[in-house]
Amino acid sequence: PGAQKSPVMCRLCRGRDMRMSCYNSTMKRALIVVDVQEGFLNEHNRWIVPNIQKVIQQGGYSLFIEAIFHAEPGSLWDRQTNWTFPLSPTIPEVKKLLPEASTILVAKTTKSVFWGDKDIPVLFKEEGVEEVHVVGLDTNDCVMATAFDSFDAGFLTYVLEECTESSDDGSLREAALQILRNVDMIKSAFL
């Protein structure tokens, strides 16, 4: 409500011809960078890194959340999925662009950034954030969980389509994007 929606054809998504909505907003915004860590990147999904860099450089955000994931031996991840992931930083080519004064590091052992070691809804409300954009990995997992929790916490929330990918062959990404499109939570990063 209140945002103007104009349908556009996206030519930026690696040549795909996708239908999405672009919103013009003057609201105070935050960018959540989810799990852009070396252990999650591969030749299939690394294409999003320059796009994330462009979004950060374009500005327009009053607050940045840099989320890093880890799953230690003995964690729920280990017990249920037999999988662990060491604590590691955001890749340097993204981290160096995040403004130090307005970036909050969130370590998490969960899918959603909202369940990490900082109280994100309180931080957003203190800063007057009304709109949240989510980028990073994996679209079908931590990105989608974060987007839904952001919406449930009361923030207009959009996943920036050109800035998210999955670690698989892309089929899970496409399924997640379709779910997010269905609830009007996709936005183009560059339109």
N, C-alpha and C. Protein backbone atom coordinates (compact mmCIF):
# COMPACT_ATOMS: atom_id res chain seq x y z
N PRO A 1 0.83 -1.20 0.00
CA PRO A 1 0.00 0.00 0.00
C PRO A 1 0.86 1.25 0.00
N GLY A 2 0.54 2.19 -0.85
CA GLY A 2 1.26 3.45 -0.89
C GLY A 2 2.44 3.44 -1.84
N ALA A 3 3.03 2.30 -2.11
CA ALA A 3 4.16 2.22 -3.04
C ALA A 3 3.62 2.10 -4.46
N GLN A 4 4.30 2.73 -5.39
CA GLN A 4 3.88 2.64 -6.78
C GLN A 4 4.57 1.45 -7.43
N LYS A 5 3.77 0.57 -8.02
CA LYS A 5 4.29 -0.63 -8.64
C LYS A 5 4.21 -0.47 -10.15
N SER A 6 5.33 -0.71 -10.82
CA SER A 6 5.31 -0.67 -12.28
C SER A 6 6.00 -1.92 -12.80
N PRO A 7 5.30 -2.76 -13.55
CA PRO A 7 5.90 -3.99 -14.05
C PRO A 7 7.04 -3.68 -15.03
N VAL A 8 8.10 -4.45 -14.93
CA VAL A 8 9.26 -4.29 -15.80
C VAL A 8 9.76 -5.65 -16.22
N MET A 9 10.45 -5.67 -17.35
CA MET A 9 11.11 -6.90 -17.78
C MET A 9 12.57 -6.79 -17.38
N CYS A 10 13.05 -7.77 -16.66
CA CYS A 10 14.42 -7.71 -16.18
C CYS A 10 15.36 -8.37 -17.18
N ARG A 11 16.35 -7.61 -17.63
CA ARG A 11 17.33 -8.14 -18.58
C ARG A 11 18.68 -8.33 -17.89
N LEU A 12 18.70 -8.16 -16.57
CA LEU A 12 19.96 -8.21 -15.83
C LEU A 12 20.26 -9.58 -15.22
N CYS A 13 19.25 -10.41 -15.13
CA CYS A 13 19.39 -11.68 -14.42
C CYS A 13 20.00 -12.75 -15.31
N ARG A 14 21.23 -12.55 -15.70
CA ARG A 14 21.97 -13.51 -16.52
C ARG A 14 21.19 -13.88 -17.78
N GLY A 15 20.56 -12.90 -18.41
CA GLY A 15 19.88 -13.15 -19.67
C GLY A 15 18.48 -13.71 -19.56
N ARG A 16 18.03 -14.00 -18.34
CA ARG A 16 16.68 -14.52 -18.19
C ARG A 16 15.67 -13.41 -18.38
N ASP A 17 14.52 -13.75 -18.89
CA ASP A 17 13.45 -12.77 -19.09
C ASP A 17 12.40 -13.03 -18.01
N MET A 18 12.45 -12.27 -16.92
CA MET A 18 11.58 -12.53 -15.78
C MET A 18 10.67 -11.34 -15.52
N ARG A 19 9.50 -11.61 -15.03
CA ARG A 19 8.53 -10.58 -14.66
C ARG A 19 8.70 -10.29 -13.17
N MET A 20 8.80 -9.03 -12.81
CA MET A 20 8.90 -8.65 -11.40
C MET A 20 8.33 -7.26 -11.23
N SER A 21 8.26 -6.82 -10.01
CA SER A 21 7.77 -5.48 -9.73
C SER A 21 8.90 -4.64 -9.18
N CYS A 22 8.92 -3.37 -9.56
CA CYS A 22 9.92 -2.44 -9.07
C CYS A 22 9.20 -1.37 -8.27
N TYR A 23 9.71 -1.07 -7.07
CA TYR A 23 9.06 -0.10 -6.21
C TYR A 23 9.93 1.13 -6.07
N ASN A 24 9.29 2.29 -6.15
CA ASN A 24 9.97 3.54 -5.87
C ASN A 24 9.65 3.87 -4.42
N SER A 25 10.69 3.99 -3.59
CA SER A 25 10.46 4.20 -2.18
C SER A 25 11.37 5.29 -1.64
N THR A 26 10.84 6.10 -0.76
CA THR A 26 11.64 7.11 -0.07
C THR A 26 11.78 6.75 1.40
N MET A 27 11.43 5.55 1.77
CA MET A 27 11.51 5.11 3.16
C MET A 27 12.96 4.89 3.57
N LYS A 28 13.21 4.97 4.87
CA LYS A 28 14.53 4.66 5.42
C LYS A 28 14.74 3.15 5.30
N ARG A 29 15.88 2.77 4.66
CA ARG A 29 16.09 1.37 4.32
C ARG A 29 17.32 0.77 4.99
N ALA A 30 17.26 -0.56 5.17
CA ALA A 30 18.41 -1.34 5.65
C ALA A 30 18.69 -2.43 4.63
N LEU A 31 19.96 -2.79 4.51
CA LEU A 31 20.37 -3.90 3.64
C LEU A 31 20.93 -5.01 4.52
N ILE A 32 20.37 -6.21 4.37
CA ILE A 32 20.89 -7.38 5.08
C ILE A 32 21.68 -8.22 4.10
N VAL A 33 22.97 -8.41 4.37
CA VAL A 33 23.86 -9.22 3.54
C VAL A 33 24.00 -10.57 4.26
N VAL A 34 23.41 -11.62 3.66
CA VAL A 34 23.29 -12.92 4.31
C VAL A 34 24.35 -13.90 3.82
N ASP A 35 25.22 -14.32 4.71
CA ASP A 35 26.12 -15.47 4.50
C ASP A 35 26.94 -15.43 3.22
N VAL A 36 27.48 -14.28 2.88
CA VAL A 36 28.34 -14.19 1.69
C VAL A 36 29.76 -14.55 2.16
N GLN A 37 29.91 -15.84 2.42
CA GLN A 37 31.14 -16.41 2.97
C GLN A 37 31.73 -17.38 1.95
N GLU A 38 33.04 -17.47 1.94
CA GLU A 38 33.73 -18.29 0.94
C GLU A 38 33.20 -19.72 0.88
N GLY A 39 32.89 -20.31 2.00
CA GLY A 39 32.43 -21.70 2.02
C GLY A 39 31.10 -21.94 1.33
N PHE A 40 30.32 -20.88 1.12
CA PHE A 40 29.04 -21.01 0.42
C PHE A 40 29.13 -20.66 -1.05
N LEU A 41 30.20 -20.01 -1.46
CA LEU A 41 30.34 -19.59 -2.85
C LEU A 41 30.93 -20.69 -3.72
N ASN A 42 30.46 -20.76 -4.94
CA ASN A 42 30.99 -21.72 -5.92
C ASN A 42 30.86 -21.09 -7.31
N GLU A 43 31.27 -21.80 -8.34
CA GLU A 43 31.24 -21.22 -9.69
C GLU A 43 29.82 -20.97 -10.17
N HIS A 44 28.86 -21.66 -9.60
CA HIS A 44 27.46 -21.47 -9.99
C HIS A 44 26.86 -20.18 -9.41
N ASN A 45 27.26 -19.80 -8.20
CA ASN A 45 26.59 -18.68 -7.54
C ASN A 45 27.45 -17.42 -7.37
N ARG A 46 28.71 -17.50 -7.72
CA ARG A 46 29.62 -16.37 -7.50
C ARG A 46 29.23 -15.13 -8.32
N TRP A 47 28.41 -15.31 -9.35
CA TRP A 47 27.99 -14.19 -10.20
C TRP A 47 27.26 -13.09 -9.41
N ILE A 48 26.72 -13.42 -8.23
CA ILE A 48 25.99 -12.40 -7.47
C ILE A 48 26.92 -11.40 -6.77
N VAL A 49 28.19 -11.76 -6.57
CA VAL A 49 29.11 -10.89 -5.82
C VAL A 49 29.22 -9.49 -6.43
N PRO A 50 29.49 -9.34 -7.74
CA PRO A 50 29.54 -7.98 -8.30
C PRO A 50 28.22 -7.23 -8.16
N ASN A 51 27.11 -7.94 -8.22
CA ASN A 51 25.81 -7.29 -8.06
C ASN A 51 25.63 -6.77 -6.64
N ILE A 52 26.03 -7.57 -5.65
CA ILE A 52 25.97 -7.12 -4.26
C ILE A 52 26.88 -5.91 -4.06
N GLN A 53 28.05 -5.95 -4.66
CA GLN A 53 28.97 -4.81 -4.56
C GLN A 53 28.32 -3.55 -5.12
N LYS A 54 27.66 -3.67 -6.27
CA LYS A 54 27.00 -2.51 -6.89
C LYS A 54 25.90 -1.95 -6.00
N VAL A 55 25.12 -2.83 -5.40
CA VAL A 55 24.03 -2.38 -4.52
C VAL A 55 24.59 -1.61 -3.33
N ILE A 56 25.66 -2.11 -2.73
CA ILE A 56 26.27 -1.42 -1.59
C ILE A 56 26.81 -0.06 -2.04
N GLN A 57 27.49 -0.03 -3.18
CA GLN A 57 28.09 1.21 -3.67
C GLN A 57 27.04 2.24 -4.09
N GLN A 58 25.88 1.80 -4.54
CA GLN A 58 24.82 2.73 -4.93
C GLN A 58 24.31 3.53 -3.73
N GLY A 59 24.46 2.98 -2.55
CA GLY A 59 24.02 3.68 -1.35
C GLY A 59 22.52 3.63 -1.18
N GLY A 60 22.02 4.57 -0.37
CA GLY A 60 20.59 4.62 -0.13
C GLY A 60 20.15 3.83 1.10
N TYR A 61 21.11 3.27 1.83
CA TYR A 61 20.79 2.50 3.03
C TYR A 61 21.32 3.23 4.25
N SER A 62 20.50 3.29 5.29
CA SER A 62 20.95 3.94 6.52
C SER A 62 21.60 2.94 7.47
N LEU A 63 21.38 1.65 7.23
CA LEU A 63 21.93 0.61 8.10
C LEU A 63 22.23 -0.64 7.28
N PHE A 64 23.32 -1.29 7.61
CA PHE A 64 23.71 -2.55 6.97
C PHE A 64 23.84 -3.62 8.03
N ILE A 65 23.34 -4.81 7.73
CA ILE A 65 23.53 -5.96 8.59
C ILE A 65 24.40 -6.94 7.81
N GLU A 66 25.53 -7.29 8.37
CA GLU A 66 26.45 -8.27 7.79
C GLU A 66 26.30 -9.55 8.60
N ALA A 67 25.65 -10.55 8.01
CA ALA A 67 25.38 -11.80 8.72
C ALA A 67 26.36 -12.87 8.31
N ILE A 68 26.90 -13.57 9.31
CA ILE A 68 27.78 -14.72 9.05
C ILE A 68 27.24 -15.93 9.81
N PHE A 69 27.28 -17.05 9.14
CA PHE A 69 26.72 -18.30 9.67
C PHE A 69 27.84 -19.22 10.12
N HIS A 70 27.53 -20.02 11.15
CA HIS A 70 28.42 -21.13 11.52
C HIS A 70 27.60 -22.22 12.20
N ALA A 71 28.04 -23.46 12.01
CA ALA A 71 27.42 -24.64 12.64
C ALA A 71 28.55 -25.50 13.19
N GLU A 72 28.65 -25.53 14.49
CA GLU A 72 29.75 -26.22 15.15
C GLU A 72 29.43 -27.70 15.35
N PRO A 73 30.47 -28.53 15.55
CA PRO A 73 30.22 -29.93 15.91
C PRO A 73 29.34 -30.01 17.17
N GLY A 74 28.36 -30.87 17.12
CA GLY A 74 27.43 -31.03 18.23
C GLY A 74 26.22 -30.12 18.15
N SER A 75 26.20 -29.18 17.19
CA SER A 75 25.07 -28.27 17.02
C SER A 75 23.87 -29.03 16.47
N LEU A 76 22.74 -28.35 16.45
CA LEU A 76 21.55 -28.95 15.85
C LEU A 76 21.80 -29.32 14.39
N TRP A 77 22.52 -28.45 13.67
CA TRP A 77 22.86 -28.76 12.28
C TRP A 77 23.61 -30.08 12.18
N ASP A 78 24.57 -30.26 13.06
CA ASP A 78 25.38 -31.49 13.06
C ASP A 78 24.51 -32.69 13.43
N ARG A 79 23.70 -32.54 14.48
CA ARG A 79 22.89 -33.66 14.96
C ARG A 79 21.80 -34.07 13.96
N GLN A 80 21.17 -33.09 13.30
CA GLN A 80 20.06 -33.42 12.41
C GLN A 80 20.51 -33.68 10.98
N THR A 81 21.50 -32.92 10.48
CA THR A 81 21.87 -33.04 9.07
C THR A 81 23.28 -33.59 8.85
N ASN A 82 24.00 -33.83 9.96
CA ASN A 82 25.37 -34.32 9.89
C ASN A 82 26.25 -33.37 9.07
N TRP A 83 26.07 -32.07 9.33
CA TRP A 83 26.78 -31.04 8.58
C TRP A 83 27.25 -29.96 9.53
N THR A 84 28.48 -29.53 9.35
CA THR A 84 29.03 -28.42 10.13
C THR A 84 29.62 -27.39 9.17
N PHE A 85 29.79 -26.17 9.69
CA PHE A 85 30.33 -25.09 8.88
C PHE A 85 31.09 -24.17 9.82
N PRO A 86 32.38 -23.95 9.56
CA PRO A 86 33.18 -23.14 10.48
C PRO A 86 32.81 -21.65 10.39
N LEU A 87 33.00 -20.96 11.51
CA LEU A 87 32.81 -19.52 11.52
C LEU A 87 33.84 -18.89 10.61
N SER A 88 33.38 -18.11 9.64
CA SER A 88 34.28 -17.45 8.69
C SER A 88 33.70 -16.09 8.34
N PRO A 89 34.55 -15.17 7.90
CA PRO A 89 34.08 -13.81 7.63
C PRO A 89 33.36 -13.70 6.28
N THR A 90 32.68 -12.58 6.13
CA THR A 90 32.16 -12.19 4.81
C THR A 90 33.36 -12.03 3.89
N ILE A 91 33.22 -12.40 2.62
CA ILE A 91 34.36 -12.31 1.69
C ILE A 91 34.87 -10.87 1.63
N PRO A 92 36.17 -10.69 1.51
CA PRO A 92 36.77 -9.34 1.57
C PRO A 92 36.21 -8.36 0.54
N GLU A 93 35.91 -8.82 -0.69
CA GLU A 93 35.46 -7.91 -1.73
C GLU A 93 34.08 -7.32 -1.44
N VAL A 94 33.32 -7.93 -0.55
CA VAL A 94 32.04 -7.36 -0.11
C VAL A 94 32.25 -6.60 1.21
N LYS A 95 32.94 -7.22 2.14
CA LYS A 95 33.14 -6.61 3.47
C LYS A 95 33.77 -5.22 3.38
N LYS A 96 34.74 -5.04 2.50
CA LYS A 96 35.44 -3.75 2.41
C LYS A 96 34.53 -2.62 1.97
N LEU A 97 33.40 -2.94 1.34
CA LEU A 97 32.47 -1.92 0.87
C LEU A 97 31.42 -1.53 1.91
N LEU A 98 31.27 -2.35 2.94
CA LEU A 98 30.27 -2.05 3.96
C LEU A 98 30.77 -0.91 4.85
N PRO A 99 30.01 0.17 4.96
CA PRO A 99 30.45 1.31 5.76
C PRO A 99 30.57 0.93 7.24
N GLU A 100 31.75 1.06 7.79
CA GLU A 100 32.01 0.61 9.15
C GLU A 100 31.07 1.24 10.18
N ALA A 101 30.79 2.53 10.02
CA ALA A 101 29.98 3.24 11.01
C ALA A 101 28.52 2.81 11.02
N SER A 102 28.03 2.25 9.93
CA SER A 102 26.60 1.89 9.87
C SER A 102 26.38 0.40 9.59
N THR A 103 27.40 -0.43 9.88
CA THR A 103 27.27 -1.87 9.66
C THR A 103 27.32 -2.60 10.99
N ILE A 104 26.38 -3.50 11.17
CA ILE A 104 26.31 -4.32 12.38
C ILE A 104 26.56 -5.76 11.98
N LEU A 105 27.54 -6.39 12.62
CA LEU A 105 27.87 -7.80 12.37
C LEU A 105 26.96 -8.67 13.22
N VAL A 106 26.33 -9.64 12.57
CA VAL A 106 25.47 -10.60 13.26
C VAL A 106 26.00 -12.00 12.99
N ALA A 107 26.40 -12.69 14.05
CA ALA A 107 26.79 -14.10 13.93
C ALA A 107 25.54 -14.92 14.23
N LYS A 108 25.35 -15.98 13.43
CA LYS A 108 24.14 -16.78 13.63
C LYS A 108 24.43 -18.27 13.43
N THR A 109 23.65 -19.07 14.11
CA THR A 109 23.70 -20.52 13.95
C THR A 109 22.35 -21.01 13.43
N THR A 110 21.56 -20.07 12.96
CA THR A 110 20.20 -20.33 12.50
C THR A 110 20.06 -19.92 11.04
N LYS A 111 18.94 -20.25 10.45
CA LYS A 111 18.69 -19.83 9.07
C LYS A 111 18.49 -18.33 9.00
N SER A 112 17.65 -17.78 9.86
CA SER A 112 17.29 -16.37 9.80
C SER A 112 18.25 -15.49 10.58
N VAL A 113 18.59 -14.35 9.99
CA VAL A 113 19.42 -13.35 10.65
C VAL A 113 18.71 -12.84 11.91
N PHE A 114 17.38 -12.87 11.91
CA PHE A 114 16.61 -12.36 13.04
C PHE A 114 16.75 -13.20 14.30
N TRP A 115 17.35 -14.38 14.19
CA TRP A 115 17.60 -15.24 15.35
C TRP A 115 19.08 -15.29 15.70
N GLY A 116 19.86 -14.37 15.15
CA GLY A 116 21.29 -14.30 15.44
C GLY A 116 21.57 -13.65 16.79
N ASP A 117 22.80 -13.18 16.96
CA ASP A 117 23.23 -12.66 18.27
C ASP A 117 22.91 -11.19 18.52
N LYS A 118 22.12 -10.56 17.66
CA LYS A 118 21.67 -9.18 17.85
C LYS A 118 20.14 -9.13 17.70
N ASP A 119 19.52 -8.18 18.37
CA ASP A 119 18.07 -8.01 18.29
C ASP A 119 17.77 -7.07 17.12
N ILE A 120 17.64 -7.64 15.94
CA ILE A 120 17.48 -6.88 14.71
C ILE A 120 16.23 -5.99 14.72
N PRO A 121 15.05 -6.49 15.12
CA PRO A 121 13.88 -5.60 15.11
C PRO A 121 14.08 -4.35 15.98
N VAL A 122 14.70 -4.50 17.13
CA VAL A 122 14.96 -3.35 17.99
C VAL A 122 15.93 -2.38 17.31
N LEU A 123 17.00 -2.91 16.72
CA LEU A 123 17.96 -2.06 16.02
C LEU A 123 17.29 -1.29 14.88
N PHE A 124 16.47 -1.97 14.10
CA PHE A 124 15.78 -1.33 12.99
C PHE A 124 14.82 -0.24 13.49
N LYS A 125 14.09 -0.53 14.53
CA LYS A 125 13.14 0.46 15.06
C LYS A 125 13.88 1.66 15.63
N GLU A 126 15.00 1.44 16.31
CA GLU A 126 15.80 2.55 16.85
C GLU A 126 16.32 3.46 15.74
N GLU A 127 16.63 2.86 14.58
CA GLU A 127 17.15 3.62 13.44
C GLU A 127 16.04 4.17 12.54
N GLY A 128 14.80 3.82 12.82
CA GLY A 128 13.69 4.29 11.99
C GLY A 128 13.56 3.57 10.67
N VAL A 129 14.13 2.38 10.55
CA VAL A 129 14.06 1.60 9.31
C VAL A 129 12.62 1.15 9.08
N GLU A 130 12.17 1.35 7.84
CA GLU A 130 10.83 0.91 7.44
C GLU A 130 10.86 -0.16 6.35
N GLU A 131 11.93 -0.15 5.55
CA GLU A 131 12.03 -1.07 4.41
C GLU A 131 13.36 -1.81 4.50
N VAL A 132 13.31 -3.12 4.26
CA VAL A 132 14.48 -3.99 4.36
C VAL A 132 14.70 -4.69 3.02
N HIS A 133 15.95 -4.68 2.56
CA HIS A 133 16.34 -5.44 1.37
C HIS A 133 17.28 -6.55 1.81
N VAL A 134 17.10 -7.74 1.23
CA VAL A 134 17.89 -8.91 1.61
C VAL A 134 18.64 -9.41 0.39
N VAL A 135 19.94 -9.68 0.56
CA VAL A 135 20.81 -10.23 -0.49
C VAL A 135 21.64 -11.35 0.10
N GLY A 136 22.19 -12.22 -0.74
CA GLY A 136 23.13 -13.22 -0.27
C GLY A 136 22.73 -14.65 -0.59
N LEU A 137 23.16 -15.55 0.30
CA LEU A 137 23.04 -16.99 0.08
C LEU A 137 22.35 -17.67 1.26
N ASP A 138 21.69 -18.70 1.03
CA ASP A 138 21.09 -19.28 -0.14
C ASP A 138 19.66 -18.77 -0.25
N THR A 139 19.20 -18.49 -1.47
CA THR A 139 17.87 -17.95 -1.70
C THR A 139 16.81 -18.80 -1.01
N ASN A 140 16.90 -20.11 -1.18
CA ASN A 140 15.90 -21.05 -0.70
C ASN A 140 16.04 -21.39 0.77
N ASP A 141 16.99 -20.81 1.45
CA ASP A 141 17.25 -21.19 2.83
C ASP A 141 17.33 -19.92 3.69
N CYS A 142 18.52 -19.46 3.97
CA CYS A 142 18.71 -18.35 4.91
C CYS A 142 18.16 -17.03 4.40
N VAL A 143 18.22 -16.78 3.10
CA VAL A 143 17.68 -15.53 2.55
C VAL A 143 16.16 -15.51 2.71
N MET A 144 15.50 -16.59 2.34
CA MET A 144 14.04 -16.63 2.44
C MET A 144 13.59 -16.59 3.90
N ALA A 145 14.26 -17.32 4.78
CA ALA A 145 13.91 -17.31 6.20
C ALA A 145 14.05 -15.90 6.77
N THR A 146 15.14 -15.21 6.41
CA THR A 146 15.36 -13.85 6.88
C THR A 146 14.29 -12.91 6.35
N ALA A 147 13.95 -13.04 5.08
CA ALA A 147 12.92 -12.18 4.48
C ALA A 147 11.58 -12.36 5.18
N PHE A 148 11.18 -13.59 5.42
CA PHE A 148 9.90 -13.82 6.08
C PHE A 148 9.91 -13.31 7.52
N ASP A 149 11.01 -13.49 8.24
CA ASP A 149 11.09 -12.98 9.61
C ASP A 149 11.08 -11.45 9.62
N SER A 150 11.71 -10.82 8.64
CA SER A 150 11.69 -9.37 8.54
C SER A 150 10.26 -8.87 8.33
N PHE A 151 9.56 -9.51 7.42
CA PHE A 151 8.16 -9.15 7.17
C PHE A 151 7.33 -9.34 8.43
N ASP A 152 7.51 -10.49 9.09
CA ASP A 152 6.75 -10.78 10.31
C ASP A 152 7.07 -9.81 11.44
N ALA A 153 8.26 -9.20 11.41
CA ALA A 153 8.64 -8.21 12.43
C ALA A 153 8.07 -6.83 12.11
N GLY A 154 7.40 -6.69 10.95
CA GLY A 154 6.71 -5.45 10.64
C GLY A 154 7.39 -4.53 9.65
N PHE A 155 8.35 -5.05 8.89
CA PHE A 155 9.08 -4.22 7.92
C PHE A 155 8.69 -4.60 6.50
N LEU A 156 8.51 -3.60 5.63
CA LEU A 156 8.38 -3.90 4.20
C LEU A 156 9.68 -4.60 3.80
N THR A 157 9.59 -5.73 3.15
CA THR A 157 10.78 -6.54 2.90
C THR A 157 10.80 -7.04 1.47
N TYR A 158 11.99 -6.90 0.85
CA TYR A 158 12.18 -7.35 -0.53
C TYR A 158 13.52 -8.06 -0.65
N VAL A 159 13.52 -9.18 -1.34
CA VAL A 159 14.75 -9.87 -1.73
C VAL A 159 15.15 -9.28 -3.08
N LEU A 160 16.40 -8.85 -3.19
CA LEU A 160 16.89 -8.28 -4.45
C LEU A 160 17.32 -9.43 -5.35
N GLU A 161 16.53 -9.66 -6.37
CA GLU A 161 16.64 -10.87 -7.19
C GLU A 161 18.01 -11.09 -7.81
N GLU A 162 18.64 -10.03 -8.29
CA GLU A 162 19.95 -10.18 -8.95
C GLU A 162 21.09 -10.37 -7.95
N CYS A 163 20.76 -10.37 -6.67
CA CYS A 163 21.79 -10.42 -5.63
C CYS A 163 21.61 -11.62 -4.70
N THR A 164 20.95 -12.65 -5.17
CA THR A 164 20.77 -13.84 -4.35
C THR A 164 20.83 -15.07 -5.24
N GLU A 165 21.33 -16.13 -4.68
CA GLU A 165 21.50 -17.39 -5.43
C GLU A 165 21.57 -18.53 -4.43
N SER A 166 21.50 -19.73 -4.94
CA SER A 166 21.62 -20.93 -4.12
C SER A 166 22.92 -21.65 -4.44
N SER A 167 23.27 -22.59 -3.61
CA SER A 167 24.51 -23.34 -3.81
C SER A 167 24.31 -24.53 -4.72
N ASP A 168 23.06 -24.84 -5.06
CA ASP A 168 22.79 -25.97 -5.93
C ASP A 168 22.81 -25.53 -7.39
N ASP A 169 22.12 -26.25 -8.23
CA ASP A 169 22.10 -25.96 -9.67
C ASP A 169 21.16 -24.83 -10.06
N GLY A 170 20.49 -24.22 -9.13
CA GLY A 170 19.59 -23.12 -9.43
C GLY A 170 18.11 -23.46 -9.32
N SER A 171 17.77 -24.73 -9.28
CA SER A 171 16.35 -25.08 -9.23
C SER A 171 15.72 -24.66 -7.91
N LEU A 172 16.44 -24.77 -6.81
CA LEU A 172 15.89 -24.34 -5.52
C LEU A 172 15.76 -22.82 -5.46
N ARG A 173 16.69 -22.11 -6.09
CA ARG A 173 16.60 -20.64 -6.16
C ARG A 173 15.32 -20.25 -6.87
N GLU A 174 15.07 -20.86 -8.02
CA GLU A 174 13.89 -20.51 -8.80
C GLU A 174 12.61 -20.82 -8.03
N ALA A 175 12.57 -21.92 -7.31
CA ALA A 175 11.39 -22.26 -6.51
C ALA A 175 11.18 -21.22 -5.41
N ALA A 176 12.26 -20.83 -4.74
CA ALA A 176 12.16 -19.84 -3.67
C ALA A 176 11.72 -18.48 -4.23
N LEU A 177 12.28 -18.08 -5.37
CA LEU A 177 11.89 -16.80 -5.97
C LEU A 177 10.41 -16.81 -6.34
N GLN A 178 9.92 -17.94 -6.81
CA GLN A 178 8.50 -18.02 -7.16
C GLN A 178 7.63 -17.85 -5.91
N ILE A 179 8.03 -18.45 -4.81
CA ILE A 179 7.29 -18.28 -3.55
C ILE A 179 7.31 -16.82 -3.13
N LEU A 180 8.48 -16.19 -3.21
CA LEU A 180 8.61 -14.78 -2.82
C LEU A 180 7.85 -13.85 -3.76
N ARG A 181 7.84 -14.15 -5.05
CA ARG A 181 7.05 -13.35 -6.01
C ARG A 181 5.56 -13.43 -5.68
N ASN A 182 5.13 -14.61 -5.29
CA ASN A 182 3.72 -14.84 -5.00
C ASN A 182 3.23 -13.95 -3.85
N VAL A 183 4.12 -13.56 -2.94
CA VAL A 183 3.75 -12.70 -1.81
C VAL A 183 4.34 -11.30 -1.97
N ASP A 184 4.74 -10.96 -3.21
CA ASP A 184 5.22 -9.62 -3.57
C ASP A 184 6.42 -9.18 -2.74
N MET A 185 7.40 -10.09 -2.60
CA MET A 185 8.59 -9.79 -1.81
C MET A 185 9.87 -9.84 -2.65
N ILE A 186 9.74 -9.59 -3.98
CA ILE A 186 10.90 -9.54 -4.87
C ILE A 186 11.01 -8.13 -5.43
N LYS A 187 12.24 -7.65 -5.51
CA LYS A 187 12.49 -6.32 -6.08
C LYS A 187 13.75 -6.43 -6.92
N SER A 188 13.80 -5.66 -7.99
CA SER A 188 15.00 -5.60 -8.79
C SER A 188 16.02 -4.67 -8.13
N ALA A 189 17.27 -5.06 -8.15
CA ALA A 189 18.33 -4.25 -7.54
C ALA A 189 18.69 -3.05 -8.37
N PHE A 190 18.43 -3.09 -9.67
CA PHE A 190 19.00 -2.08 -10.55
C PHE A 190 17.98 -1.27 -11.34
N LEU A 191 16.72 -1.34 -11.01
CA LEU A 191 15.72 -0.59 -11.76
C LEU A 191 15.11 0.49 -10.89
